[in-house]
C-alpha atoms as a PDB file:
ATOM      1  CA  MET A   1     -54.131 -22.145  29.586  1.00  0.00           C
ATOM      2  CA  VAL A   2     -50.886 -23.116  31.329  1.00  0.00           C
ATOM      3  CA  LYS A   3     -50.129 -24.473  34.770  1.00  0.00           C
ATOM      4  CA  GLY A   4     -48.796 -22.470  37.678  1.00  0.00           C
ATOM      5  CA  ILE A   5     -49.008 -21.660  41.377  1.00  0.00           C
ATOM      6  CA  LYS A   6     -51.621 -19.286  42.737  1.00  0.00           C
ATOM      7  CA  VAL A   7     -52.206 -17.936  46.255  1.00  0.00           C
ATOM      8  CA  HIS A   8     -55.832 -17.151  47.152  1.00  0.00           C
ATOM      9  CA  GLN A   9     -55.184 -16.337  50.830  1.00  0.00           C
ATOM     10  CA  VAL A  10     -51.951 -15.777  52.682  1.00  0.00           C
ATOM     11  CA  GLY A  11     -50.647 -18.454  55.025  1.00  0.00           C
ATOM     12  CA  GLY A  12     -48.286 -21.418  55.189  1.00  0.00           C
ATOM     13  CA  PRO A  13     -46.809 -23.361  52.273  1.00  0.00           C
ATOM     14  CA  GLU A  14     -50.118 -25.194  51.869  1.00  0.00           C
ATOM     15  CA  VAL A  15     -51.713 -22.068  50.329  1.00  0.00           C
ATOM     16  CA  LEU A  16     -49.569 -22.513  47.207  1.00  0.00           C
ATOM     17  CA  LYS A  17     -52.132 -24.079  44.841  1.00  0.00           C
ATOM     18  CA  TRP A  18     -51.303 -25.793  41.512  1.00  0.00           C
ATOM     19  CA  GLU A  19     -53.861 -24.442  39.031  1.00  0.00           C
ATOM     20  CA  ASP A  20     -54.665 -23.580  35.439  1.00  0.00           C
ATOM     21  CA  ILE A  21     -53.590 -20.033  34.592  1.00  0.00           C
ATOM     22  CA  GLU A  22     -54.605 -17.975  31.596  1.00  0.00           C
ATOM     23  CA  VAL A  23     -51.780 -16.274  29.709  1.00  0.00           C
ATOM     24  CA  LYS A  24     -52.794 -13.779  27.009  1.00  0.00           C
ATOM     25  CA  GLU A  25     -50.769 -12.600  24.018  1.00  0.00           C
ATOM     26  CA  PRO A  26     -48.171  -9.843  24.509  1.00  0.00           C
ATOM     27  CA  GLY A  27     -49.166  -6.241  23.941  1.00  0.00           C
ATOM     28  CA  GLU A  28     -47.054  -3.276  22.910  1.00  0.00           C
ATOM     29  CA  GLY A  29     -43.633  -3.381  24.589  1.00  0.00           C
ATOM     30  CA  GLU A  30     -44.261  -6.891  25.951  1.00  0.00           C
ATOM     31  CA  VAL A  31     -43.089 -10.431  25.233  1.00  0.00           C
ATOM     32  CA  LYS A  32     -44.270 -13.891  26.197  1.00  0.00           C
ATOM     33  CA  VAL A  33     -41.654 -16.004  27.972  1.00  0.00           C
ATOM     34  CA  LYS A  34     -41.851 -19.776  28.379  1.00  0.00           C
ATOM     35  CA  HIS A  35     -40.082 -20.461  31.662  1.00  0.00           C
ATOM     36  CA  THR A  36     -37.379 -23.099  31.817  1.00  0.00           C
ATOM     37  CA  ALA A  37     -36.297 -22.463  35.428  1.00  0.00           C
ATOM     38  CA  VAL A  38     -37.807 -20.391  38.264  1.00  0.00           C
ATOM     39  CA  GLY A  39     -35.904 -19.051  41.259  1.00  0.00           C
ATOM     40  CA  VAL A  40     -37.154 -19.426  44.835  1.00  0.00           C
ATOM     41  CA  ASN A  41     -36.326 -16.591  47.232  1.00  0.00           C
ATOM     42  CA  TYR A  42     -37.237 -15.669  50.787  1.00  0.00           C
ATOM     43  CA  ILE A  43     -39.155 -12.663  49.513  1.00  0.00           C
ATOM     44  CA  ASP A  44     -41.580 -15.206  47.997  1.00  0.00           C
ATOM     45  CA  VAL A  45     -42.182 -16.591  51.499  1.00  0.00           C
ATOM     46  CA  ASN A  46     -42.758 -13.106  52.891  1.00  0.00           C
ATOM     47  CA  TYR A  47     -45.460 -12.357  50.327  1.00  0.00           C
ATOM     48  CA  ARG A  48     -47.040 -15.799  50.704  1.00  0.00           C
ATOM     49  CA  ASN A  49     -47.306 -15.592  54.508  1.00  0.00           C
ATOM     50  CA  GLY A  50     -48.532 -12.001  54.585  1.00  0.00           C
ATOM     51  CA  ALA A  51     -45.392 -10.423  56.042  1.00  0.00           C
ATOM     52  CA  TYR A  52     -45.417  -8.156  52.987  1.00  0.00           C
ATOM     53  CA  SER A  53     -48.771  -6.718  51.957  1.00  0.00           C
ATOM     54  CA  ILE A  54     -50.252  -7.890  48.662  1.00  0.00           C
ATOM     55  CA  SER A  55     -53.712  -8.306  47.165  1.00  0.00           C
ATOM     56  CA  THR A  56     -54.967 -11.826  46.571  1.00  0.00           C
ATOM     57  CA  PRO A  57     -55.173 -13.873  44.466  1.00  0.00           C
ATOM     58  CA  PHE A  58     -51.659 -13.627  43.048  1.00  0.00           C
ATOM     59  CA  ILE A  59     -48.994 -15.727  41.356  1.00  0.00           C
ATOM     60  CA  PRO A  60     -45.843 -15.622  43.508  1.00  0.00           C
ATOM     61  CA  GLY A  61     -42.221 -15.443  42.442  1.00  0.00           C
ATOM     62  CA  PHE A  62     -39.972 -12.686  41.115  1.00  0.00           C
ATOM     63  CA  GLU A  63     -37.227 -14.491  39.196  1.00  0.00           C
ATOM     64  CA  ALA A  64     -36.975 -16.852  36.229  1.00  0.00           C
ATOM     65  CA  ALA A  65     -35.151 -17.780  33.047  1.00  0.00           C
ATOM     66  CA  GLY A  66     -36.748 -18.867  29.815  1.00  0.00           C
ATOM     67  CA  VAL A  67     -37.205 -18.470  26.081  1.00  0.00           C
ATOM     68  CA  VAL A  68     -39.126 -15.774  24.209  1.00  0.00           C
ATOM     69  CA  THR A  69     -42.071 -17.392  22.405  1.00  0.00           C
ATOM     70  CA  ALA A  70     -43.942 -14.291  21.181  1.00  0.00           C
ATOM     71  CA  VAL A  71     -43.295 -10.552  20.902  1.00  0.00           C
ATOM     72  CA  GLY A  72     -45.704  -7.648  20.991  1.00  0.00           C
ATOM     73  CA  PRO A  73     -46.497  -5.373  18.050  1.00  0.00           C
ATOM     74  CA  GLY A  74     -43.565  -3.332  16.769  1.00  0.00           C
ATOM     75  CA  LEU A  75     -41.123  -4.588  19.399  1.00  0.00           C
ATOM     76  CA  THR A  76     -37.456  -4.557  18.432  1.00  0.00           C
ATOM     77  CA  GLY A  77     -34.413  -5.856  20.256  1.00  0.00           C
ATOM     78  CA  LEU A  78     -35.907  -9.248  21.156  1.00  0.00           C
ATOM     79  CA  LYS A  79     -37.086 -12.100  18.961  1.00  0.00           C
ATOM     80  CA  VAL A  80     -38.676 -15.508  19.321  1.00  0.00           C
ATOM     81  CA  GLY A  81     -36.086 -18.024  20.527  1.00  0.00           C
ATOM     82  CA  ASP A  82     -33.971 -15.562  22.559  1.00  0.00           C
ATOM     83  CA  ARG A  83     -32.808 -16.810  25.957  1.00  0.00           C
ATOM     84  CA  VAL A  84     -33.646 -14.289  28.675  1.00  0.00           C
ATOM     85  CA  ALA A  85     -33.952 -13.903  32.433  1.00  0.00           C
ATOM     86  CA  TYR A  86     -35.448 -11.425  34.864  1.00  0.00           C
ATOM     87  CA  ALA A  87     -35.658 -10.519  38.531  1.00  0.00           C
ATOM     88  CA  GLY A  88     -38.232  -8.211  40.061  1.00  0.00           C
ATOM     89  CA  SER A  89     -41.420  -8.951  38.131  1.00  0.00           C
ATOM     90  CA  LEU A  90     -44.112 -10.690  40.183  1.00  0.00           C
ATOM     91  CA  GLY A  91     -45.625 -13.881  38.774  1.00  0.00           C
ATOM     92  CA  SER A  92     -42.753 -16.232  37.924  1.00  0.00           C
ATOM     93  CA  TYR A  93     -44.325 -19.371  39.470  1.00  0.00           C
ATOM     94  CA  ALA A  94     -46.010 -20.267  36.166  1.00  0.00           C
ATOM     95  CA  GLU A  95     -45.080 -22.089  32.992  1.00  0.00           C
ATOM     96  CA  GLU A  96     -45.425 -18.888  30.925  1.00  0.00           C
ATOM     97  CA  LYS A  97     -45.567 -15.161  31.619  1.00  0.00           C
ATOM     98  CA  ILE A  98     -46.242 -11.908  29.806  1.00  0.00           C
ATOM     99  CA  ILE A  99     -43.598  -9.373  30.787  1.00  0.00           C
ATOM    100  CA  SER A 100     -42.401  -5.936  29.755  1.00  0.00           C
ATOM    101  CA  ALA A 101     -39.400  -6.322  27.471  1.00  0.00           C
ATOM    102  CA  ASP A 102     -37.407  -3.720  29.396  1.00  0.00           C
ATOM    103  CA  LYS A 103     -37.400  -6.011  32.459  1.00  0.00           C
ATOM    104  CA  LEU A 104     -35.543  -8.781  30.595  1.00  0.00           C
ATOM    105  CA  VAL A 105     -31.817  -9.398  30.418  1.00  0.00           C
ATOM    106  CA  PRO A 106     -30.334 -11.431  27.548  1.00  0.00           C
ATOM    107  CA  LEU A 107     -28.437 -14.471  28.801  1.00  0.00           C
ATOM    108  CA  PRO A 108     -24.848 -15.076  27.690  1.00  0.00           C
ATOM    109  CA  SER A 109     -23.906 -18.596  26.589  1.00  0.00           C
ATOM    110  CA  SER A 110     -21.765 -18.963  29.728  1.00  0.00           C
ATOM    111  CA  VAL A 111     -24.885 -18.880  31.935  1.00  0.00           C
ATOM    112  CA  ASP A 112     -27.349 -21.782  31.652  1.00  0.00           C
ATOM    113  CA  ASP A 113     -31.019 -21.478  32.536  1.00  0.00           C
ATOM    114  CA  VAL A 114     -30.857 -23.105  35.974  1.00  0.00           C
ATOM    115  CA  MET A 115     -27.857 -20.962  36.879  1.00  0.00           C
ATOM    116  CA  ALA A 116     -29.694 -17.836  35.738  1.00  0.00           C
ATOM    117  CA  ALA A 117     -32.748 -18.689  37.835  1.00  0.00           C
ATOM    118  CA  SER A 118     -30.410 -19.270  40.774  1.00  0.00           C
ATOM    119  CA  ILE A 119     -28.587 -15.966  40.597  1.00  0.00           C
ATOM    120  CA  MET A 120     -30.584 -13.194  38.949  1.00  0.00           C
ATOM    121  CA  LEU A 121     -32.313 -11.913  42.077  1.00  0.00           C
ATOM    122  CA  LYS A 122     -29.782 -13.194  44.605  1.00  0.00           C
ATOM    123  CA  GLY A 123     -26.757 -12.214  42.528  1.00  0.00           C
ATOM    124  CA  MET A 124     -27.960  -8.721  41.701  1.00  0.00           C
ATOM    125  CA  THR A 125     -28.889  -8.311  45.377  1.00  0.00           C
ATOM    126  CA  ALA A 126     -25.316  -9.231  46.305  1.00  0.00           C
ATOM    127  CA  GLN A 127     -23.999  -6.781  43.703  1.00  0.00           C
ATOM    128  CA  MET A 128     -26.240  -4.047  45.124  1.00  0.00           C
ATOM    129  CA  LEU A 129     -25.153  -4.740  48.709  1.00  0.00           C
ATOM    130  CA  LEU A 130     -21.422  -4.952  48.015  1.00  0.00           C
ATOM    131  CA  ARG A 131     -20.975  -2.436  45.215  1.00  0.00           C
ATOM    132  CA  ARG A 132     -23.645   0.206  45.756  1.00  0.00           C
ATOM    133  CA  VAL A 133     -25.240   0.261  49.234  1.00  0.00           C
ATOM    134  CA  PHE A 134     -21.829  -0.045  50.901  1.00  0.00           C
ATOM    135  CA  LYS A 135     -18.874  -0.256  48.531  1.00  0.00           C
ATOM    136  CA  VAL A 136     -16.677  -2.989  49.980  1.00  0.00           C
ATOM    137  CA  LYS A 137     -12.950  -2.487  49.410  1.00  0.00           C
ATOM    138  CA  LYS A 138      -9.704  -4.159  50.377  1.00  0.00           C
ATOM    139  CA  GLY A 139      -9.125  -3.903  54.116  1.00  0.00           C
ATOM    140  CA  HIS A 140     -12.768  -3.674  55.151  1.00  0.00           C
ATOM    141  CA  LYS A 141     -14.060  -6.033  57.830  1.00  0.00           C
ATOM    142  CA  ILE A 142     -17.565  -7.310  57.107  1.00  0.00           C
ATOM    143  CA  PHE A 143     -20.009  -9.548  58.968  1.00  0.00           C
ATOM    144  CA  VAL A 144     -22.499 -11.674  57.010  1.00  0.00           C
ATOM    145  CA  HIS A 145     -25.498 -13.290  58.710  1.00  0.00           C
ATOM    146  CA  ALA A 146     -27.068 -16.426  57.162  1.00  0.00           C
ATOM    147  CA  ALA A 147     -23.830 -16.862  55.256  1.00  0.00           C
ATOM    148  CA  ALA A 148     -24.713 -20.242  53.729  1.00  0.00           C
ATOM    149  CA  GLY A 149     -27.956 -18.999  52.182  1.00  0.00           C
ATOM    150  CA  GLY A 150     -28.452 -18.034  48.558  1.00  0.00           C
ATOM    151  CA  VAL A 151     -27.411 -14.391  48.973  1.00  0.00           C
ATOM    152  CA  GLY A 152     -25.128 -14.985  51.954  1.00  0.00           C
ATOM    153  CA  SER A 153     -22.914 -17.433  50.073  1.00  0.00           C
ATOM    154  CA  LEU A 154     -22.484 -14.956  47.212  1.00  0.00           C
ATOM    155  CA  LEU A 155     -21.672 -12.133  49.642  1.00  0.00           C
ATOM    156  CA  VAL A 156     -18.930 -14.179  51.283  1.00  0.00           C
ATOM    157  CA  GLN A 157     -17.314 -15.182  47.990  1.00  0.00           C
ATOM    158  CA  TRP A 158     -17.564 -11.786  46.313  1.00  0.00           C
ATOM    159  CA  ALA A 159     -16.443  -9.792  49.363  1.00  0.00           C
ATOM    160  CA  LYS A 160     -13.432 -12.064  49.796  1.00  0.00           C
ATOM    161  CA  ALA A 161     -12.475 -11.448  46.150  1.00  0.00           C
ATOM    162  CA  LEU A 162     -12.734  -7.701  46.821  1.00  0.00           C
ATOM    163  CA  GLY A 163     -10.145  -8.035  49.590  1.00  0.00           C
ATOM    164  CA  ALA A 164     -12.345  -7.852  52.674  1.00  0.00           C
ATOM    165  CA  THR A 165     -11.944  -9.796  55.889  1.00  0.00           C
ATOM    166  CA  VAL A 166     -15.157 -11.817  56.095  1.00  0.00           C
ATOM    167  CA  ILE A 167     -16.850 -12.984  59.297  1.00  0.00           C
ATOM    168  CA  ALA A 168     -19.701 -15.383  58.548  1.00  0.00           C
ATOM    169  CA  ALA A 169     -22.499 -16.613  60.817  1.00  0.00           C
ATOM    170  CA  VAL A 170     -24.430 -19.846  60.151  1.00  0.00           C
ATOM    171  CA  SER A 171     -26.760 -22.222  61.964  1.00  0.00           C
ATOM    172  CA  ASN A 172     -24.876 -25.544  61.930  1.00  0.00           C
ATOM    173  CA  GLU A 173     -21.613 -27.368  61.208  1.00  0.00           C
ATOM    174  CA  GLU A 174     -22.540 -28.316  57.635  1.00  0.00           C
ATOM    175  CA  LYS A 175     -23.239 -24.697  56.757  1.00  0.00           C
ATOM    176  CA  ALA A 176     -20.044 -23.651  58.539  1.00  0.00           C
ATOM    177  CA  ALA A 177     -18.081 -25.928  56.226  1.00  0.00           C
ATOM    178  CA  GLN A 178     -19.694 -24.280  53.208  1.00  0.00           C
ATOM    179  CA  ALA A 179     -18.907 -20.781  54.492  1.00  0.00           C
ATOM    180  CA  LYS A 180     -15.264 -21.769  54.960  1.00  0.00           C
ATOM    181  CA  GLU A 181     -15.186 -23.208  51.450  1.00  0.00           C
ATOM    182  CA  ASP A 182     -16.599 -19.912  50.178  1.00  0.00           C
ATOM    183  CA  GLY A 183     -13.634 -18.118  51.734  1.00  0.00           C
ATOM    184  CA  ALA A 184     -14.867 -16.812  55.094  1.00  0.00           C
ATOM    185  CA  ASP A 185     -11.965 -15.895  57.379  1.00  0.00           C
ATOM    186  CA  HIS A 186     -13.973 -16.589  60.538  1.00  0.00           C
ATOM    187  CA  VAL A 187     -17.157 -18.627  60.974  1.00  0.00           C
ATOM    188  CA  ILE A 188     -19.598 -18.341  63.881  1.00  0.00           C
ATOM    189  CA  ILE A 189     -22.230 -20.994  64.613  1.00  0.00           C
ATOM    190  CA  TYR A 190     -25.198 -19.302  66.278  1.00  0.00           C
ATOM    191  CA  SER A 191     -26.011 -22.212  68.601  1.00  0.00           C
ATOM    192  CA  GLN A 192     -22.434 -22.519  69.856  1.00  0.00           C
ATOM    193  CA  GLN A 193     -21.278 -18.928  70.217  1.00  0.00           C
ATOM    194  CA  ASN A 194     -22.649 -15.481  71.006  1.00  0.00           C
ATOM    195  CA  PHE A 195     -22.099 -13.711  67.719  1.00  0.00           C
ATOM    196  CA  VAL A 196     -21.706 -10.257  69.288  1.00  0.00           C
ATOM    197  CA  ASP A 197     -18.999 -11.428  71.682  1.00  0.00           C
ATOM    198  CA  ARG A 198     -17.224 -13.367  68.939  1.00  0.00           C
ATOM    199  CA  VAL A 199     -17.212 -10.443  66.486  1.00  0.00           C
ATOM    200  CA  LYS A 200     -15.793  -8.155  69.160  1.00  0.00           C
ATOM    201  CA  GLU A 201     -13.134 -10.757  69.946  1.00  0.00           C
ATOM    202  CA  ILE A 202     -12.165 -11.189  66.284  1.00  0.00           C
ATOM    203  CA  THR A 203     -11.949  -7.426  65.701  1.00  0.00           C
ATOM    204  CA  GLU A 204     -10.234  -6.778  69.051  1.00  0.00           C
ATOM    205  CA  GLY A 205     -13.110  -4.548  70.082  1.00  0.00           C
ATOM    206  CA  ALA A 206     -13.003  -2.322  67.003  1.00  0.00           C
ATOM    207  CA  GLY A 207     -16.109  -3.782  65.355  1.00  0.00           C
ATOM    208  CA  VAL A 208     -16.764  -4.278  61.660  1.00  0.00           C
ATOM    209  CA  ASP A 209     -17.299  -1.755  58.881  1.00  0.00           C
ATOM    210  CA  VAL A 210     -20.580  -3.273  57.715  1.00  0.00           C
ATOM    211  CA  VAL A 211     -23.064  -5.936  58.789  1.00  0.00           C
ATOM    212  CA  TYR A 212     -25.256  -7.602  56.164  1.00  0.00           C
ATOM    213  CA  ASP A 213     -28.307  -8.859  58.065  1.00  0.00           C
ATOM    214  CA  ALA A 214     -31.024 -10.915  56.366  1.00  0.00           C
ATOM    215  CA  VAL A 215     -32.319 -12.425  59.618  1.00  0.00           C
ATOM    216  CA  GLY A 216     -34.069  -9.364  61.066  1.00  0.00           C
ATOM    217  CA  LYS A 217     -35.869  -9.554  64.400  1.00  0.00           C
ATOM    218  CA  ASP A 218     -33.548 -12.026  66.168  1.00  0.00           C
ATOM    219  CA  THR A 219     -30.276 -10.365  65.180  1.00  0.00           C
ATOM    220  CA  LEU A 220     -30.748  -6.665  64.446  1.00  0.00           C
ATOM    221  CA  LEU A 221     -29.848  -5.246  67.873  1.00  0.00           C
ATOM    222  CA  GLY A 222     -26.856  -7.562  68.104  1.00  0.00           C
ATOM    223  CA  SER A 223     -25.797  -6.480  64.632  1.00  0.00           C
ATOM    224  CA  LEU A 224     -25.695  -2.869  65.817  1.00  0.00           C
ATOM    225  CA  GLU A 225     -23.366  -3.895  68.634  1.00  0.00           C
ATOM    226  CA  CYS A 226     -21.010  -5.533  66.134  1.00  0.00           C
ATOM    227  CA  LEU A 227     -20.361  -2.291  64.256  1.00  0.00           C
ATOM    228  CA  GLY A 228     -17.386  -0.009  64.645  1.00  0.00           C
ATOM    229  CA  LEU A 229     -17.445   3.781  64.420  1.00  0.00           C
ATOM    230  CA  ARG A 230     -19.432   5.042  61.416  1.00  0.00           C
ATOM    231  CA  GLY A 231     -20.364   1.456  60.574  1.00  0.00           C
ATOM    232  CA  TYR A 232     -23.209   0.452  58.282  1.00  0.00           C
ATOM    233  CA  LEU A 233     -25.997  -1.922  59.255  1.00  0.00           C
ATOM    234  CA  VAL A 234     -27.622  -3.186  56.063  1.00  0.00           C
ATOM    235  CA  ASN A 235     -30.825  -5.074  56.814  1.00  0.00           C
ATOM    236  CA  TYR A 236     -32.000  -6.735  53.612  1.00  0.00           C
ATOM    237  CA  GLY A 237     -34.322  -9.451  54.943  1.00  0.00           C
ATOM    238  CA  GLN A 238     -36.376 -10.608  57.907  1.00  0.00           C
ATOM    239  CA  ALA A 239     -36.232 -14.408  58.018  1.00  0.00           C
ATOM    240  CA  SER A 240     -36.972 -14.348  61.770  1.00  0.00           C
ATOM    241  CA  GLY A 241     -39.672 -11.706  61.458  1.00  0.00           C
ATOM    242  CA  PRO A 242     -39.807  -7.896  61.221  1.00  0.00           C
ATOM    243  CA  PRO A 243     -37.323  -6.154  63.555  1.00  0.00           C
ATOM    244  CA  ASP A 244     -38.735  -4.248  66.510  1.00  0.00           C
ATOM    245  CA  PRO A 245     -38.862  -0.450  66.188  1.00  0.00           C
ATOM    246  CA  LEU A 246     -35.474   1.157  66.777  1.00  0.00           C
ATOM    247  CA  PRO A 247     -35.047   4.681  68.175  1.00  0.00           C
ATOM    248  CA  ILE A 248     -32.810   6.813  66.013  1.00  0.00           C
ATOM    249  CA  SER A 249     -30.847   7.701  69.150  1.00  0.00           C
ATOM    250  CA  ALA A 250     -29.474   4.132  69.115  1.00  0.00           C
ATOM    251  CA  LEU A 251     -27.284   5.130  66.161  1.00  0.00           C
ATOM    252  CA  GLN A 252     -25.692   8.152  67.877  1.00  0.00           C
ATOM    253  CA  PRO A 253     -23.089   6.545  70.179  1.00  0.00           C
ATOM    254  CA  LYS A 254     -21.016   5.324  67.217  1.00  0.00           C
ATOM    255  CA  SER A 255     -22.430   7.569  64.429  1.00  0.00           C
ATOM    256  CA  LEU A 256     -23.921   4.517  62.744  1.00  0.00           C
ATOM    257  CA  PHE A 257     -25.846   4.185  59.487  1.00  0.00           C
ATOM    258  CA  LEU A 258     -28.904   1.958  59.092  1.00  0.00           C
ATOM    259  CA  THR A 259     -30.486   1.149  55.727  1.00  0.00           C
ATOM    260  CA  ARG A 260     -33.136  -1.250  54.415  1.00  0.00           C
ATOM    261  CA  PRO A 261     -32.524  -1.452  50.659  1.00  0.00           C
ATOM    262  CA  SER A 262     -34.695  -3.089  48.008  1.00  0.00           C
ATOM    263  CA  LEU A 263     -33.101  -4.374  44.816  1.00  0.00           C
ATOM    264  CA  PHE A 264     -36.057  -3.132  42.788  1.00  0.00           C
ATOM    265  CA  HIS A 265     -35.135   0.473  43.629  1.00  0.00           C
ATOM    266  CA  TYR A 266     -31.562  -0.093  42.426  1.00  0.00           C
ATOM    267  CA  VAL A 267     -32.470  -1.586  39.017  1.00  0.00           C
ATOM    268  CA  ARG A 268     -35.462   0.660  38.290  1.00  0.00           C
ATOM    269  CA  ILE A 269     -33.684   2.240  35.319  1.00  0.00           C
ATOM    270  CA  ARG A 270     -32.759  -0.152  32.499  1.00  0.00           C
ATOM    271  CA  ASP A 271     -29.146   1.038  32.384  1.00  0.00           C
ATOM    272  CA  GLU A 272     -28.833   0.147  36.081  1.00  0.00           C
ATOM    273  CA  LEU A 273     -30.370  -3.274  35.444  1.00  0.00           C
ATOM    274  CA  LEU A 274     -27.976  -4.058  32.601  1.00  0.00           C
ATOM    275  CA  GLU A 275     -24.986  -2.792  34.585  1.00  0.00           C
ATOM    276  CA  ALA A 276     -25.887  -4.944  37.614  1.00  0.00           C
ATOM    277  CA  ALA A 277     -26.506  -8.036  35.484  1.00  0.00           C
ATOM    278  CA  GLY A 278     -23.332  -7.447  33.490  1.00  0.00           C
ATOM    279  CA  GLU A 279     -21.197  -7.193  36.603  1.00  0.00           C
ATOM    280  CA  LEU A 280     -22.862 -10.324  37.984  1.00  0.00           C
ATOM    281  CA  PHE A 281     -22.308 -12.347  34.805  1.00  0.00           C
ATOM    282  CA  ALA A 282     -18.668 -11.199  34.729  1.00  0.00           C
ATOM    283  CA  ALA A 283     -18.194 -12.367  38.327  1.00  0.00           C
ATOM    284  CA  VAL A 284     -19.563 -15.776  37.351  1.00  0.00           C
ATOM    285  CA  ALA A 285     -17.459 -16.023  34.166  1.00  0.00           C
ATOM    286  CA  THR A 286     -14.226 -15.130  35.960  1.00  0.00           C
ATOM    287  CA  GLY A 287     -14.843 -17.514  38.849  1.00  0.00           C
ATOM    288  CA  VAL A 288     -15.239 -14.780  41.466  1.00  0.00           C
ATOM    289  CA  ILE A 289     -18.447 -16.454  42.570  1.00  0.00           C
ATOM    290  CA  LYS A 290     -19.482 -20.091  42.349  1.00  0.00           C
ATOM    291  CA  ILE A 291     -23.173 -20.894  42.071  1.00  0.00           C
ATOM    292  CA  ARG A 292     -24.610 -23.657  44.233  1.00  0.00           C
ATOM    293  CA  THR A 293     -28.003 -24.866  43.061  1.00  0.00           C
ATOM    294  CA  ASN A 294     -28.382 -27.583  45.655  1.00  0.00           C
ATOM    295  CA  HIS A 295     -32.172 -27.950  45.591  1.00  0.00           C
ATOM    296  CA  ILE A 296     -34.260 -28.499  42.454  1.00  0.00           C
ATOM    297  CA  TYR A 297     -38.024 -29.134  42.584  1.00  0.00           C
ATOM    298  CA  ARG A 298     -40.824 -29.394  40.069  1.00  0.00           C
ATOM    299  CA  LEU A 299     -42.870 -26.213  39.846  1.00  0.00           C
ATOM    300  CA  SER A 300     -45.849 -28.141  41.241  1.00  0.00           C
ATOM    301  CA  GLU A 301     -43.720 -28.856  44.350  1.00  0.00           C
ATOM    302  CA  ALA A 302     -43.387 -25.165  45.283  1.00  0.00           C
ATOM    303  CA  ALA A 303     -44.986 -25.807  48.684  1.00  0.00           C
ATOM    304  CA  LYS A 304     -42.238 -28.292  49.573  1.00  0.00           C
ATOM    305  CA  ALA A 305     -39.568 -25.833  48.424  1.00  0.00           C
ATOM    306  CA  HIS A 306     -41.049 -23.146  50.691  1.00  0.00           C
ATOM    307  CA  ALA A 307     -41.282 -25.531  53.647  1.00  0.00           C
ATOM    308  CA  ASP A 308     -37.647 -26.557  53.199  1.00  0.00           C
ATOM    309  CA  LEU A 309     -36.513 -22.938  52.877  1.00  0.00           C
ATOM    310  CA  GLU A 310     -38.371 -21.837  56.009  1.00  0.00           C
ATOM    311  CA  GLY A 311     -37.172 -24.919  57.899  1.00  0.00           C
ATOM    312  CA  ARG A 312     -33.525 -24.011  57.208  1.00  0.00           C
ATOM    313  CA  LYS A 313     -33.088 -27.262  55.308  1.00  0.00           C
ATOM    314  CA  THR A 314     -31.508 -25.565  52.298  1.00  0.00           C
ATOM    315  CA  MET A 315     -28.044 -24.303  51.419  1.00  0.00           C
ATOM    316  CA  GLY A 316     -27.373 -22.206  48.346  1.00  0.00           C
ATOM    317  CA  SER A 317     -30.122 -21.710  45.776  1.00  0.00           C
ATOM    318  CA  CYS A 318     -33.484 -23.403  45.205  1.00  0.00           C
ATOM    319  CA  VAL A 319     -34.941 -23.685  41.704  1.00  0.00           C
ATOM    320  CA  LEU A 320     -38.319 -24.831  40.375  1.00  0.00           C
ATOM    321  CA  ILE A 321     -38.476 -26.563  36.978  1.00  0.00           C
ATOM    322  CA  PRO A 322     -41.828 -26.269  35.158  1.00  0.00           C
ATOM    323  CA  ASP A 323     -43.489 -29.685  34.997  1.00  0.00           C
ATOM    324  CA  SER A 324     -44.033 -29.348  31.256  1.00  0.00           C
ATOM    325  CA  TYR A 325     -40.415 -28.421  30.481  1.00  0.00           C
ATOM    326  CA  HIS A 326     -38.072 -30.958  28.933  1.00  0.00           C
ATOM    327  CA  SER A 327     -34.493 -29.793  28.459  1.00  0.00           C
ATOM    328  CA  PRO A 328     -33.188 -29.997  24.887  1.00  0.00           C
END
């Protein structure tokens, strides 16, 4: 038995229960991973509170780094002691996990465990958004909501390195300072400015090429207004709740595109997973993106991490460290 977090009924952070969890031995094609660091993401909140449908009970979390402690029969390519990470396999809020070997990415020496848990899901999401959903190039104008968050910060930095003009929206002055440090050309504070009016002013009425919107309900219609002709609205989260239904006719006046991508559909094939992770690790190694892990909690404190994330008390990434783990 190991310790971990289990959800027996959906609800607030208080439903995250610290319990004993049984972990069996790996079967064919599987390995056992002892977690050293676990990533916290808003998708975890959405499953915990019932915004996304899931059967209970379940162990939340989709992202972690750790060490292989056992391998299944006949498995090659991984061995006990290998450092690995993953994003997209439910059940990371536990000290150990059985996982399919093809979901794991070997970690280079340049990426430590906490960094890996901070960036695997968020970083590959940023890579998907910037390099595959809409391929940002020099000269593009982009608008990033929640720009001081875990994904938002990476989008700002990476897009700036690609040569885009970046407009960033945040909730307060402290987060505005971070967005500027990340390279944003223009920063909008929601409580002080109307973001639609400000984007139109900055672009002289032309609008932006793409809006990356992780907020959802409160911003989606405004995001549409911010787009120029043939612009892309990429909704990849719903921190304020699910957006209201949108008639397809709303896209016609400017020939707009609307998409709601999921990272898991873009790394379904192992070659895609390795390519996304490789490009992410290269961006880290070359300094294109800087990782901010500003909030570290014990795994048993997952409820506090969720409360802080939902209360907009966080900037950058949040990581849980298993209570039993002692760094070498």
